[in-house]
Amino acid sequence: MDIKTMIFCFCGGLAIFLFGIGFMSDGLKNIGSNTFRQILKTLTKNRVSALFVGLGITCLVQSSSATSVMVVGFVNAGLLKLTQAIAVVLGADIGTTITSWLVSVMGMGKFKISAFALPIIAVGFFIGFISKKQKVKTIGQCLLGFGFLFLGLGLMSEGMEPLKQSGYVKELFARFGADPFLGIIAGMIVTMILQSSSVTIAIIQVMALNGLLGIGPALGIILGCSIGTTITAQLAALGGTKNARTVAMSNTLFKIMGTLIFFPFLVSGGFEHLIRVLVPDSLVMVQIAAANTIFNLVTVVIFATILWRLLIKVSKLMTFGGEDEIDREAKFLDPLLLNDPPIAMQQVVFELKRMAELAKDAALNAKVAFFSKKGKKIKTVREIEDVIDNLQKSITAYLIKISSKDLNTRESLAYPVLLHCVNDLEKVGDYAENIAFYADGKNNSQLKLEYRHIVILDSMFLKLNEIFDHIIASLDKKDCNSLLELKNLDEEIGELKTKCRSSYIKRLNKQKASPQLELFVMDTSAAIKKMSDHLMNIANAVVNDLQWCKKL
């Protein structure tokens, strides 16, 4: 075995694999239209349908690892919720057992998931290169990322190809298989290296066919394989969102806890006795396939029903770091209420309040990002802005459906005002993202804020935060009295912006200012004022009871 080639293949494959995951997730975020999201939501609307989706995909691609990776990408992009994703992964664990049955029938299979990689990469590149439409280019990006993750997975697996024929691996199985606990460890380690439980199980099937391994020792290795294969999803979740890491963790915990459930039956010989009763000893390869299927099927049924809540709770506890994920979907826009326009419009106001709370969080995180060097806060602002954009689309679509109903004069006047309020809040999110962009530029240029910058900007952010509080309260309780204070706050923000600009010009004339830093500060102050302006538009709408009327 060429150890150097194996290491280079594995490390290079891992790098391509992780790049593909990130590239695909970015593309999915851009292409994640309401239609695509709705299709996924419909296919995985309950645990049973999600299980069958995971099972079906894995039967097609012949790899639970590939399915898990795709699911992690969907969760990273916000296209699948945590519970939906976990159910799909559980289904994938049943689907992966089909490979062992194929090996039983046809012998050692030569199917390689990486065989699809280069054609997918070629198609993705040409789609992105030839097309002039951004949406089509984004589809090309998704395919390109998808192909890269398959290519990386294939390189990691093929780099370890010599181990499949290695006498050391076969000796390891034969020696450790006699002890159930050591058999689990051996199966786990080898599968982590080979990146495929299907390959590992295929190896022990061929060994069993050649009389090197009996069904008893093979059972411990099968349980170990199930744990080892989860390493791929864990790698895919590196650097992902907390929900993505939780999905990967749930897959690992599911396999570990499933192994613990089966371990007493393994040690006592009950599991082996069951397999020998179901399948004759003359069909040892079928015995191994049956054992693999029974283990996965039973554990999936247990955890998808009795221990479902426990699995999710423990997975969340085990996923350290990060903040709770933001719910990307609209909460209040019930389609059943569309036939009652006044109530439907009130639901829109509730969703506007939620948008305002998210915009406030984006502004606060942007402030911390600009005042410090916390790159994580920049990422948080961008994630919140993605959610705000998604809510804007959902609310706008909902309002369009309301407009098709029979509206009275009051509702007809309120309809365009609500549309403007939605767009104003979306703009607020955009300006928060702009500030995060300035923070990133400032940090990359190693620029440090002066005390006078912090004083002015902090005062502007505090006043902006007050305006947010008034807007949120007004949308919640329809209290218009407090909104009369907003005019003064908005004017004070405008004065501070002017002060910031005049200070920059004076210091620039005296050649005491860093032009790049001052521009970042000025742009940030301008963004704060723009946010205030858009919030004032909402204030005017609330004061005038969502009618086109006088200005505040």
Protein backbone atom coordinates (compact mmCIF):
# COMPACT_ATOMS: atom_id res chain seq x y z
CA MET A 1 0.00 0.00 0.00
CA ASP A 2 1.21 3.50 -0.89
CA ILE A 3 0.57 5.32 2.40
CA LYS A 4 1.44 8.75 0.98
CA THR A 5 -1.03 8.40 -1.90
CA MET A 6 -3.73 7.22 0.50
CA ILE A 7 -3.20 10.25 2.79
CA PHE A 8 -3.16 12.71 -0.13
CA CYS A 9 -6.31 11.18 -1.64
CA PHE A 10 -8.13 11.28 1.67
CA CYS A 11 -7.11 14.86 2.58
CA GLY A 12 -7.67 16.19 -0.95
CA GLY A 13 -10.99 14.36 -1.18
CA LEU A 14 -12.05 15.78 2.18
CA ALA A 15 -11.22 19.32 1.02
CA ILE A 16 -13.22 18.89 -2.22
CA PHE A 17 -16.05 17.29 -0.26
CA LEU A 18 -16.32 20.20 2.22
CA PHE A 19 -16.02 22.74 -0.62
CA GLY A 20 -18.84 20.97 -2.47
CA ILE A 21 -21.05 21.07 0.62
CA GLY A 22 -20.56 24.82 1.05
CA PHE A 23 -20.97 25.54 -2.66
CA MET A 24 -24.16 23.48 -2.89
CA SER A 25 -25.61 25.06 0.27
CA ASP A 26 -24.99 28.58 -1.08
CA GLY A 27 -26.70 27.65 -4.33
CA LEU A 28 -29.65 26.10 -2.52
CA LYS A 29 -30.08 29.28 -0.48
CA ASN A 30 -30.33 31.30 -3.68
CA ILE A 31 -32.55 28.85 -5.51
CA GLY A 32 -34.67 28.08 -2.45
CA SER A 33 -37.79 29.64 -3.86
CA ASN A 34 -41.14 29.23 -2.20
CA THR A 35 -42.09 26.60 -4.80
CA PHE A 36 -39.02 24.43 -4.13
CA ARG A 37 -39.44 24.87 -0.39
CA GLN A 38 -43.10 23.93 -0.68
CA ILE A 39 -42.25 20.75 -2.62
CA LEU A 40 -39.81 19.65 0.08
CA LYS A 41 -42.29 20.62 2.78
CA THR A 42 -45.03 18.57 1.10
CA LEU A 43 -42.82 15.50 0.58
CA THR A 44 -41.69 15.57 4.21
CA LYS A 45 -44.88 16.88 5.83
CA ASN A 46 -44.89 14.08 8.43
CA ARG A 47 -42.45 11.56 9.83
CA VAL A 48 -43.72 8.66 7.73
CA SER A 49 -43.49 10.48 4.39
CA ALA A 50 -40.05 11.88 5.36
CA LEU A 51 -38.86 8.35 6.18
CA PHE A 52 -39.95 7.15 2.74
CA VAL A 53 -38.24 10.13 1.08
CA GLY A 54 -34.96 9.18 2.79
CA LEU A 55 -35.45 5.52 1.92
CA GLY A 56 -36.22 6.30 -1.73
CA ILE A 57 -33.29 8.67 -2.26
CA THR A 58 -30.86 6.20 -0.67
CA CYS A 59 -32.13 3.35 -2.83
CA LEU A 60 -31.46 5.51 -5.88
CA VAL A 61 -27.97 6.74 -4.95
CA GLN A 62 -26.99 3.56 -3.05
CA SER A 63 -25.41 5.55 -0.21
CA SER A 64 -26.89 6.67 3.10
CA SER A 65 -23.81 8.88 3.48
CA ALA A 66 -24.69 10.75 0.27
CA THR A 67 -28.30 11.15 1.43
CA SER A 68 -27.17 12.44 4.83
CA VAL A 69 -24.87 14.92 3.13
CA MET A 70 -27.71 16.19 0.91
CA VAL A 71 -29.96 16.56 3.96
CA VAL A 72 -27.28 18.52 5.82
CA GLY A 73 -27.02 20.80 2.76
CA PHE A 74 -30.81 21.33 2.73
CA VAL A 75 -30.80 22.16 6.44
CA ASN A 76 -27.88 24.57 5.98
CA ALA A 77 -29.90 26.30 3.26
CA GLY A 78 -32.98 26.45 5.47
CA LEU A 79 -35.01 24.28 3.09
CA LEU A 80 -35.68 21.54 5.64
CA LYS A 81 -36.61 21.86 9.29
CA LEU A 82 -34.78 19.90 11.95
CA THR A 83 -37.49 17.29 12.57
CA GLN A 84 -38.05 16.76 8.83
CA ALA A 85 -34.33 16.28 8.24
CA ILE A 86 -33.89 13.77 11.07
CA ALA A 87 -36.78 11.70 9.73
CA VAL A 88 -35.25 11.68 6.22
CA VAL A 89 -31.91 10.51 7.68
CA LEU A 90 -33.65 7.69 9.56
CA GLY A 91 -35.26 6.60 6.29
CA ALA A 92 -31.84 6.65 4.63
CA ASP A 93 -30.62 4.12 7.19
CA ILE A 94 -33.22 1.65 5.96
CA GLY A 95 -32.54 2.42 2.30
CA THR A 96 -28.81 1.73 2.62
CA THR A 97 -29.49 -1.94 3.45
CA ILE A 98 -30.51 -2.58 -0.17
CA THR A 99 -26.82 -2.67 -1.13
CA SER A 100 -26.12 -5.69 1.08
CA TRP A 101 -29.02 -7.53 -0.59
CA LEU A 102 -27.66 -6.68 -4.04
CA VAL A 103 -24.23 -7.94 -3.00
CA SER A 104 -25.87 -11.12 -1.73
CA VAL A 105 -27.49 -11.69 -5.12
CA MET A 106 -24.79 -10.45 -7.48
CA GLY A 107 -21.60 -10.80 -5.47
CA MET A 108 -19.24 -7.94 -4.76
CA GLY A 109 -20.77 -4.92 -6.51
CA LYS A 110 -18.66 -2.56 -8.60
CA PHE A 111 -21.00 0.41 -8.29
CA LYS A 112 -19.24 3.63 -7.29
CA ILE A 113 -21.10 6.77 -6.30
CA SER A 114 -18.19 8.85 -7.65
CA ALA A 115 -19.02 7.61 -11.17
CA PHE A 116 -21.73 10.28 -11.25
CA ALA A 117 -19.42 13.06 -10.05
CA LEU A 118 -17.69 14.16 -13.26
CA PRO A 119 -20.84 14.17 -15.45
CA ILE A 120 -22.68 16.20 -12.79
CA ILE A 121 -19.77 18.65 -12.53
CA ALA A 122 -19.66 19.00 -16.34
CA VAL A 123 -23.41 19.62 -16.59
CA GLY A 124 -23.36 22.09 -13.69
CA PHE A 125 -20.43 24.03 -15.16
CA PHE A 126 -21.95 24.31 -18.66
CA ILE A 127 -25.34 25.37 -17.28
CA GLY A 128 -23.69 28.12 -15.24
CA PHE A 129 -21.27 29.11 -18.00
CA ILE A 130 -23.71 29.22 -20.93
CA SER A 131 -26.84 30.62 -19.29
CA LYS A 132 -27.34 34.37 -18.84
CA LYS A 133 -30.22 34.03 -16.38
CA GLN A 134 -29.20 34.21 -12.72
CA LYS A 135 -31.72 31.57 -11.61
CA VAL A 136 -30.40 29.07 -14.17
CA LYS A 137 -26.81 29.90 -13.17
CA THR A 138 -27.76 29.13 -9.57
CA ILE A 139 -29.10 25.71 -10.64
CA GLY A 140 -25.71 25.13 -12.28
CA GLN A 141 -24.00 26.11 -9.03
CA CYS A 142 -26.10 23.57 -7.10
CA LEU A 143 -25.21 20.81 -9.55
CA LEU A 144 -21.54 21.79 -9.48
CA GLY A 145 -21.46 21.66 -5.67
CA PHE A 146 -23.35 18.37 -5.75
CA GLY A 147 -20.81 16.92 -8.16
CA PHE A 148 -17.89 18.17 -6.03
CA LEU A 149 -19.22 16.53 -2.88
CA PHE A 150 -19.61 13.22 -4.78
CA LEU A 151 -16.12 13.61 -6.24
CA GLY A 152 -14.65 14.28 -2.79
CA LEU A 153 -16.53 11.35 -1.30
CA GLY A 154 -15.28 9.14 -4.12
CA LEU A 155 -11.66 10.29 -3.73
CA MET A 156 -11.74 9.61 0.02
CA SER A 157 -13.16 6.14 -0.60
CA GLU A 158 -10.91 5.30 -3.56
CA GLY A 159 -7.86 6.55 -1.67
CA MET A 160 -8.55 3.79 0.82
CA GLU A 161 -9.16 1.22 -1.97
CA PRO A 162 -6.09 -0.89 -1.09
CA LEU A 163 -7.52 -1.50 2.37
CA LYS A 164 -10.49 -3.35 0.86
CA GLN A 165 -8.15 -6.08 -0.38
CA SER A 166 -5.76 -5.81 2.53
CA GLY A 167 -4.97 -8.93 4.49
CA TYR A 168 -4.57 -6.72 7.55
CA VAL A 169 -8.24 -5.65 7.34
CA LYS A 170 -9.42 -9.23 6.93
CA GLU A 171 -7.21 -10.35 9.83
CA LEU A 172 -8.60 -7.50 11.93
CA PHE A 173 -12.15 -8.62 11.23
CA ALA A 174 -11.38 -12.26 11.90
CA ARG A 175 -9.53 -11.53 15.17
CA PHE A 176 -11.86 -8.93 16.62
CA GLY A 177 -15.09 -10.48 15.34
CA ALA A 178 -14.86 -13.23 17.96
CA ASP A 179 -15.42 -10.63 20.70
CA PRO A 180 -18.71 -8.69 20.19
CA PHE A 181 -17.38 -5.46 21.70
CA LEU A 182 -14.11 -5.58 19.75
CA GLY A 183 -16.10 -6.49 16.63
CA ILE A 184 -18.12 -3.28 17.00
CA ILE A 185 -14.92 -1.24 17.41
CA ALA A 186 -13.32 -2.89 14.37
CA GLY A 187 -16.38 -2.32 12.17
CA MET A 188 -16.63 1.29 13.30
CA ILE A 189 -12.95 2.12 12.64
CA VAL A 190 -12.78 0.43 9.24
CA THR A 191 -16.03 2.08 8.11
CA MET A 192 -14.82 5.50 9.22
CA ILE A 193 -11.72 4.98 7.06
CA LEU A 194 -13.56 3.54 4.05
CA GLN A 195 -16.38 6.13 4.31
CA SER A 196 -19.01 3.53 3.49
CA SER A 197 -20.84 0.97 5.62
CA SER A 198 -22.02 -0.72 2.41
CA VAL A 199 -18.41 -1.41 1.37
CA THR A 200 -17.48 -2.72 4.82
CA ILE A 201 -20.50 -5.01 4.96
CA ALA A 202 -19.76 -6.18 1.41
CA ILE A 203 -16.23 -7.11 2.55
CA ILE A 204 -17.50 -9.23 5.44
CA GLN A 205 -20.10 -10.82 3.13
CA VAL A 206 -17.33 -11.94 0.76
CA MET A 207 -15.20 -13.11 3.71
CA ALA A 208 -18.19 -15.08 5.05
CA LEU A 209 -18.77 -16.60 1.60
CA ASN A 210 -15.11 -17.76 1.60
CA GLY A 211 -15.45 -19.28 5.06
CA LEU A 212 -13.26 -16.67 6.78
CA LEU A 213 -16.07 -15.34 8.98
CA GLY A 214 -19.26 -16.80 10.47
CA ILE A 215 -22.55 -15.02 11.11
CA GLY A 216 -21.81 -14.74 14.86
CA PRO A 217 -18.61 -12.66 14.56
CA ALA A 218 -20.10 -10.72 11.64
CA LEU A 219 -22.97 -9.32 13.74
CA GLY A 220 -20.73 -7.20 15.97
CA ILE A 221 -18.96 -5.78 12.92
CA ILE A 222 -22.34 -4.90 11.33
CA LEU A 223 -23.31 -2.86 14.40
CA GLY A 224 -19.93 -1.11 14.34
CA CYS A 225 -20.37 -0.28 10.65
CA SER A 226 -23.61 1.52 11.40
CA ILE A 227 -21.82 3.86 13.81
CA GLY A 228 -18.76 4.38 11.59
CA THR A 229 -20.77 5.52 8.56
CA THR A 230 -22.10 8.56 10.45
CA ILE A 231 -18.68 10.23 10.22
CA THR A 232 -19.53 11.47 6.70
CA ALA A 233 -22.52 13.50 7.89
CA GLN A 234 -20.44 14.85 10.78
CA LEU A 235 -17.81 16.06 8.31
CA ALA A 236 -20.50 17.62 6.13
CA ALA A 237 -21.91 19.54 9.11
CA LEU A 238 -18.56 21.13 10.00
CA GLY A 239 -19.01 24.88 9.85
CA GLY A 240 -22.73 24.50 9.19
CA THR A 241 -25.67 25.86 11.14
CA LYS A 242 -26.60 24.47 14.53
CA ASN A 243 -29.54 22.60 13.02
CA ALA A 244 -27.22 20.98 10.46
CA ARG A 245 -24.89 19.86 13.26
CA THR A 246 -27.89 18.59 15.24
CA VAL A 247 -29.03 16.47 12.29
CA ALA A 248 -25.56 14.92 12.02
CA MET A 249 -25.47 14.36 15.79
CA SER A 250 -28.92 12.74 15.77
CA ASN A 251 -27.69 10.27 13.13
CA THR A 252 -24.69 9.35 15.27
CA LEU A 253 -26.70 9.10 18.51
CA PHE A 254 -29.38 7.04 16.77
CA LYS A 255 -26.77 4.48 15.67
CA ILE A 256 -24.99 4.44 19.05
CA MET A 257 -28.22 4.03 21.03
CA GLY A 258 -29.48 1.43 18.54
CA THR A 259 -26.26 -0.53 19.05
CA LEU A 260 -26.71 -0.33 22.83
CA ILE A 261 -30.25 -1.71 22.47
CA PHE A 262 -29.04 -4.66 20.39
CA PHE A 263 -25.83 -5.30 22.39
CA PRO A 264 -27.44 -7.54 25.09
CA PHE A 265 -29.02 -9.69 22.36
CA LEU A 266 -25.65 -9.82 20.60
CA VAL A 267 -23.78 -10.98 23.72
CA SER A 268 -26.45 -13.50 24.73
CA GLY A 269 -26.58 -14.98 21.25
CA GLY A 270 -30.27 -14.10 20.80
CA PHE A 271 -29.62 -11.97 17.71
CA GLU A 272 -27.57 -14.74 16.07
CA HIS A 273 -30.25 -17.33 16.89
CA LEU A 274 -32.94 -15.14 15.28
CA ILE A 275 -30.92 -14.80 12.06
CA ARG A 276 -30.22 -18.56 11.90
CA VAL A 277 -33.94 -19.25 12.33
CA LEU A 278 -34.89 -16.84 9.55
CA VAL A 279 -32.13 -17.74 7.07
CA PRO A 280 -30.32 -21.10 6.71
CA ASP A 281 -26.55 -21.25 7.31
CA SER A 282 -25.97 -22.18 3.68
CA LEU A 283 -26.92 -18.61 2.72
CA VAL A 284 -24.43 -16.76 4.93
CA MET A 285 -24.31 -13.66 2.69
CA VAL A 286 -28.10 -13.43 2.93
CA GLN A 287 -27.84 -13.87 6.70
CA ILE A 288 -25.57 -10.81 6.90
CA ALA A 289 -27.91 -8.77 4.67
CA ALA A 290 -30.90 -9.83 6.81
CA ALA A 291 -29.08 -8.92 10.04
CA ASN A 292 -28.19 -5.48 8.65
CA THR A 293 -31.80 -4.86 7.58
CA ILE A 294 -33.32 -6.05 10.87
CA PHE A 295 -30.97 -3.88 12.92
CA ASN A 296 -31.71 -0.73 10.92
CA LEU A 297 -35.44 -1.40 10.53
CA VAL A 298 -36.05 -2.13 14.22
CA THR A 299 -34.02 0.82 15.48
CA VAL A 300 -35.69 3.21 13.01
CA VAL A 301 -39.15 2.06 14.15
CA ILE A 302 -38.18 2.49 17.82
CA PHE A 303 -36.69 5.95 17.40
CA ALA A 304 -39.30 7.21 14.94
CA THR A 305 -42.06 6.36 17.42
CA ILE A 306 -41.25 5.67 21.09
CA LEU A 307 -37.92 7.52 21.42
CA TRP A 308 -38.48 10.29 18.82
CA ARG A 309 -38.66 13.19 21.30
CA LEU A 310 -35.74 11.82 23.30
CA LEU A 311 -33.57 11.56 20.18
CA ILE A 312 -34.25 15.19 19.20
CA LYS A 313 -33.76 16.50 22.75
CA VAL A 314 -30.47 14.68 23.34
CA SER A 315 -29.18 15.67 19.87
CA LYS A 316 -29.84 19.33 20.65
CA LEU A 317 -28.09 19.03 24.03
CA MET A 318 -25.08 17.36 22.41
CA THR A 319 -24.73 20.09 19.77
CA PHE A 320 -22.56 22.58 21.59
CA GLY A 321 -22.16 26.20 20.58
CA GLY A 322 -24.19 28.38 18.32
CA GLU A 323 -27.54 30.02 18.78
CA ASP A 324 -30.96 28.51 18.19
CA GLU A 325 -31.96 28.46 14.56
CA ILE A 326 -34.37 31.08 13.29
CA ASP A 327 -37.69 29.76 12.01
CA ARG A 328 -37.64 30.73 8.34
CA GLU A 329 -41.30 30.04 7.68
CA ALA A 330 -44.20 32.43 8.23
CA LYS A 331 -46.10 31.53 11.41
CA PHE A 332 -49.37 33.43 11.11
CA LEU A 333 -50.32 33.29 7.42
CA ASP A 334 -52.98 30.60 7.57
CA PRO A 335 -54.52 29.92 4.10
CA LEU A 336 -57.81 28.96 5.79
CA LEU A 337 -58.27 32.58 6.90
CA LEU A 338 -58.12 34.04 3.37
CA ASN A 339 -61.90 33.90 3.06
CA ASP A 340 -62.13 36.38 5.94
CA PRO A 341 -60.00 39.35 4.71
CA PRO A 342 -60.12 41.43 7.96
CA ILE A 343 -58.77 38.53 10.01
CA ALA A 344 -56.25 37.60 7.27
CA MET A 345 -54.94 41.19 7.26
CA GLN A 346 -54.57 41.06 11.04
CA GLN A 347 -52.47 37.92 10.59
CA VAL A 348 -50.27 39.91 8.21
CA VAL A 349 -49.80 42.55 10.94
CA PHE A 350 -48.70 39.79 13.35
CA GLU A 351 -46.16 38.62 10.78
CA LEU A 352 -45.00 42.23 10.28
CA LYS A 353 -44.33 42.44 14.00
CA ARG A 354 -42.20 39.31 13.76
CA MET A 355 -40.33 40.81 10.79
CA ALA A 356 -39.70 43.97 12.84
CA GLU A 357 -38.29 41.88 15.72
CA LEU A 358 -35.97 40.09 13.31
CA ALA A 359 -34.88 43.39 11.76
CA LYS A 360 -34.13 44.70 15.26
CA ASP A 361 -31.99 41.61 15.98
CA ALA A 362 -30.17 42.15 12.67
CA ALA A 363 -29.42 45.78 13.60
CA LEU A 364 -28.15 44.80 17.08
CA ASN A 365 -25.89 42.10 15.66
CA ALA A 366 -24.64 44.53 12.99
CA LYS A 367 -23.74 46.99 15.76
CA VAL A 368 -21.74 44.37 17.68
CA ALA A 369 -20.04 43.29 14.43
CA PHE A 370 -19.00 46.87 13.63
CA PHE A 371 -17.79 47.69 17.14
CA SER A 372 -15.84 44.44 17.54
CA LYS A 373 -14.11 41.80 15.42
CA LYS A 374 -16.74 39.10 15.85
CA GLY A 375 -17.07 37.53 12.42
CA LYS A 376 -19.78 35.26 13.78
CA LYS A 377 -22.08 38.27 14.21
CA ILE A 378 -21.63 39.14 10.52
CA LYS A 379 -22.78 35.64 9.62
CA THR A 380 -25.76 35.99 11.98
CA VAL A 381 -26.85 39.25 10.29
CA ARG A 382 -26.76 37.57 6.89
CA GLU A 383 -28.78 34.61 8.15
CA ILE A 384 -31.43 36.92 9.63
CA GLU A 385 -31.57 38.91 6.39
CA ASP A 386 -32.22 35.67 4.48
CA VAL A 387 -35.17 34.96 6.77
CA ILE A 388 -36.50 38.52 6.37
CA ASP A 389 -36.31 38.15 2.57
CA ASN A 390 -38.19 34.87 2.78
CA LEU A 391 -40.90 36.42 4.98
CA GLN A 392 -41.25 39.33 2.55
CA LYS A 393 -41.99 36.88 -0.27
CA SER A 394 -44.44 34.88 1.86
CA ILE A 395 -46.33 37.95 3.12
CA THR A 396 -46.47 39.52 -0.35
CA ALA A 397 -47.86 36.30 -1.82
CA TYR A 398 -50.42 36.13 1.00
CA LEU A 399 -51.49 39.76 0.45
CA ILE A 400 -51.93 39.11 -3.28
CA LYS A 401 -54.28 36.24 -2.43
CA ILE A 402 -56.22 38.54 -0.07
CA SER A 403 -56.57 41.14 -2.84
CA SER A 404 -58.39 38.58 -5.00
CA LYS A 405 -61.20 38.41 -2.44
CA ASP A 406 -64.13 40.81 -2.09
CA LEU A 407 -62.64 43.72 -0.13
CA ASN A 408 -64.50 46.69 1.25
CA THR A 409 -63.13 50.25 0.89
CA ARG A 410 -61.16 50.15 4.13
CA GLU A 411 -59.48 46.85 3.29
CA SER A 412 -58.71 48.01 -0.25
CA LEU A 413 -56.93 51.07 1.16
CA ALA A 414 -55.02 49.01 3.74
CA TYR A 415 -53.76 46.48 1.19
CA PRO A 416 -51.12 48.72 -0.54
CA VAL A 417 -50.07 50.19 2.83
CA LEU A 418 -49.29 46.72 4.18
CA LEU A 419 -47.29 45.95 1.03
CA HIS A 420 -45.21 49.10 1.58
CA CYS A 421 -44.65 48.19 5.25
CA VAL A 422 -43.36 44.74 4.23
CA ASN A 423 -40.95 46.32 1.73
CA ASP A 424 -39.82 48.91 4.30
CA LEU A 425 -38.90 46.18 6.78
CA GLU A 426 -37.08 44.24 4.06
CA LYS A 427 -35.06 47.40 3.31
CA VAL A 428 -34.22 47.73 7.01
CA GLY A 429 -32.77 44.21 6.87
CA ASP A 430 -30.78 45.15 3.76
CA TYR A 431 -29.18 48.13 5.51
CA ALA A 432 -28.31 45.97 8.53
CA GLU A 433 -26.55 43.60 6.13
CA ASN A 434 -24.75 46.61 4.61
CA ILE A 435 -23.40 47.52 8.06
CA ALA A 436 -22.21 43.92 8.50
CA PHE A 437 -20.45 44.27 5.12
CA TYR A 438 -18.74 47.49 6.33
CA ALA A 439 -17.73 45.69 9.54
CA ASP A 440 -16.17 42.90 7.49
CA GLY A 441 -14.25 45.44 5.37
CA LYS A 442 -13.07 47.31 8.47
CA ASN A 443 -11.86 44.12 10.14
CA ASN A 444 -10.12 42.84 7.00
CA SER A 445 -8.30 46.18 6.68
CA GLN A 446 -7.20 46.01 10.34
CA LEU A 447 -8.81 49.39 11.06
CA LYS A 448 -9.62 50.38 14.64
CA LEU A 449 -12.48 52.69 15.61
CA GLU A 450 -11.64 55.85 17.54
CA TYR A 451 -13.52 56.84 20.68
CA ARG A 452 -15.40 59.64 18.90
CA HIS A 453 -16.66 57.16 16.29
CA ILE A 454 -17.97 54.83 18.97
CA VAL A 455 -19.74 57.67 20.83
CA ILE A 456 -21.63 58.94 17.76
CA LEU A 457 -22.53 55.54 16.31
CA ASP A 458 -23.52 54.09 19.69
CA SER A 459 -25.87 57.02 20.26
CA MET A 460 -27.40 56.50 16.79
CA PHE A 461 -27.88 52.78 17.39
CA LEU A 462 -29.51 53.40 20.77
CA LYS A 463 -32.01 55.85 19.26
CA LEU A 464 -32.68 53.41 16.42
CA ASN A 465 -33.32 50.69 19.00
CA GLU A 466 -35.89 52.94 20.69
CA ILE A 467 -37.68 53.43 17.37
CA PHE A 468 -37.73 49.65 16.88
CA ASP A 469 -39.29 49.18 20.33
CA HIS A 470 -42.01 51.74 19.57
CA ILE A 471 -42.77 50.17 16.17
CA ILE A 472 -42.98 46.64 17.59
CA ALA A 473 -45.22 47.82 20.45
CA SER A 474 -47.48 49.68 18.04
CA LEU A 475 -47.89 46.65 15.77
CA ASP A 476 -48.59 44.48 18.81
CA LYS A 477 -51.03 46.71 20.72
CA LYS A 478 -52.02 49.31 18.13
CA ASP A 479 -50.78 51.97 20.53
CA CYS A 480 -50.28 55.07 18.39
CA ASN A 481 -49.54 57.56 21.21
CA SER A 482 -45.94 56.43 21.73
CA LEU A 483 -45.23 56.85 18.03
CA LEU A 484 -45.43 60.64 18.36
CA GLU A 485 -42.00 60.52 20.05
CA LEU A 486 -40.44 58.95 16.98
CA LYS A 487 -40.19 62.18 14.99
CA ASN A 488 -37.73 63.62 17.53
CA LEU A 489 -35.68 60.42 17.61
CA ASP A 490 -35.50 60.35 13.80
CA GLU A 491 -34.40 64.01 13.69
CA GLU A 492 -31.71 63.36 16.33
CA ILE A 493 -30.36 60.45 14.25
CA GLY A 494 -30.25 62.78 11.24
CA GLU A 495 -28.32 65.41 13.24
CA LEU A 496 -25.79 62.81 14.40
CA LYS A 497 -25.33 61.65 10.82
CA THR A 498 -24.64 65.25 9.74
CA LYS A 499 -22.23 65.68 12.66
CA CYS A 500 -20.42 62.51 11.62
CA ARG A 501 -20.01 63.81 8.07
CA SER A 502 -18.84 67.32 9.05
CA SER A 503 -16.33 65.85 11.52
CA TYR A 504 -14.90 63.69 8.75
CA ILE A 505 -14.53 66.66 6.37
CA LYS A 506 -12.76 68.77 9.04
CA ARG A 507 -10.30 66.01 9.93
CA LEU A 508 -9.74 65.20 6.26
CA ASN A 509 -8.82 68.84 5.59
CA LYS A 510 -6.36 68.70 8.50
CA GLN A 511 -5.05 65.34 7.18
CA LYS A 512 -5.76 63.70 10.54
CA ALA A 513 -8.32 61.18 9.30
CA SER A 514 -7.97 57.71 7.82
CA PRO A 515 -10.11 58.07 4.67
CA GLN A 516 -10.99 54.38 4.52
CA LEU A 517 -12.04 54.18 8.19
CA GLU A 518 -14.00 57.43 8.00
CA LEU A 519 -15.87 56.19 4.92
CA PHE A 520 -16.87 53.01 6.76
CA VAL A 521 -18.11 55.12 9.68
CA MET A 522 -19.98 57.54 7.40
CA ASP A 523 -21.58 54.72 5.41
CA THR A 524 -22.68 53.06 8.65
CA SER A 525 -24.23 56.30 9.96
CA ALA A 526 -26.04 56.71 6.61
CA ALA A 527 -27.35 53.14 6.83
CA ILE A 528 -28.67 53.79 10.36
CA LYS A 529 -30.50 56.90 9.11
CA LYS A 530 -31.97 54.93 6.19
CA MET A 531 -33.24 52.28 8.62
CA SER A 532 -34.82 55.04 10.70
CA ASP A 533 -36.48 56.50 7.58
CA HIS A 534 -38.07 53.18 6.64
CA LEU A 535 -39.26 52.61 10.20
CA MET A 536 -40.84 56.08 10.13
CA ASN A 537 -42.80 55.02 7.05
CA ILE A 538 -44.25 52.16 9.11
CA ALA A 539 -44.97 54.58 11.96
CA ASN A 540 -46.96 56.77 9.58
CA ALA A 541 -48.93 53.74 8.42
CA VAL A 542 -49.80 52.73 12.00
CA VAL A 543 -50.72 56.27 13.11
CA ASN A 544 -53.08 56.58 10.15
CA ASP A 545 -54.65 53.18 10.89
CA LEU A 546 -53.11 51.62 7.76
CA GLN A 547 -54.66 54.24 5.48
CA TRP A 548 -53.07 56.69 3.01
CA CYS A 549 -53.24 59.87 5.08
CA LYS A 550 -51.16 62.67 6.56
CA LYS A 551 -47.51 62.24 7.51
CA LEU A 552 -46.44 61.82 11.13
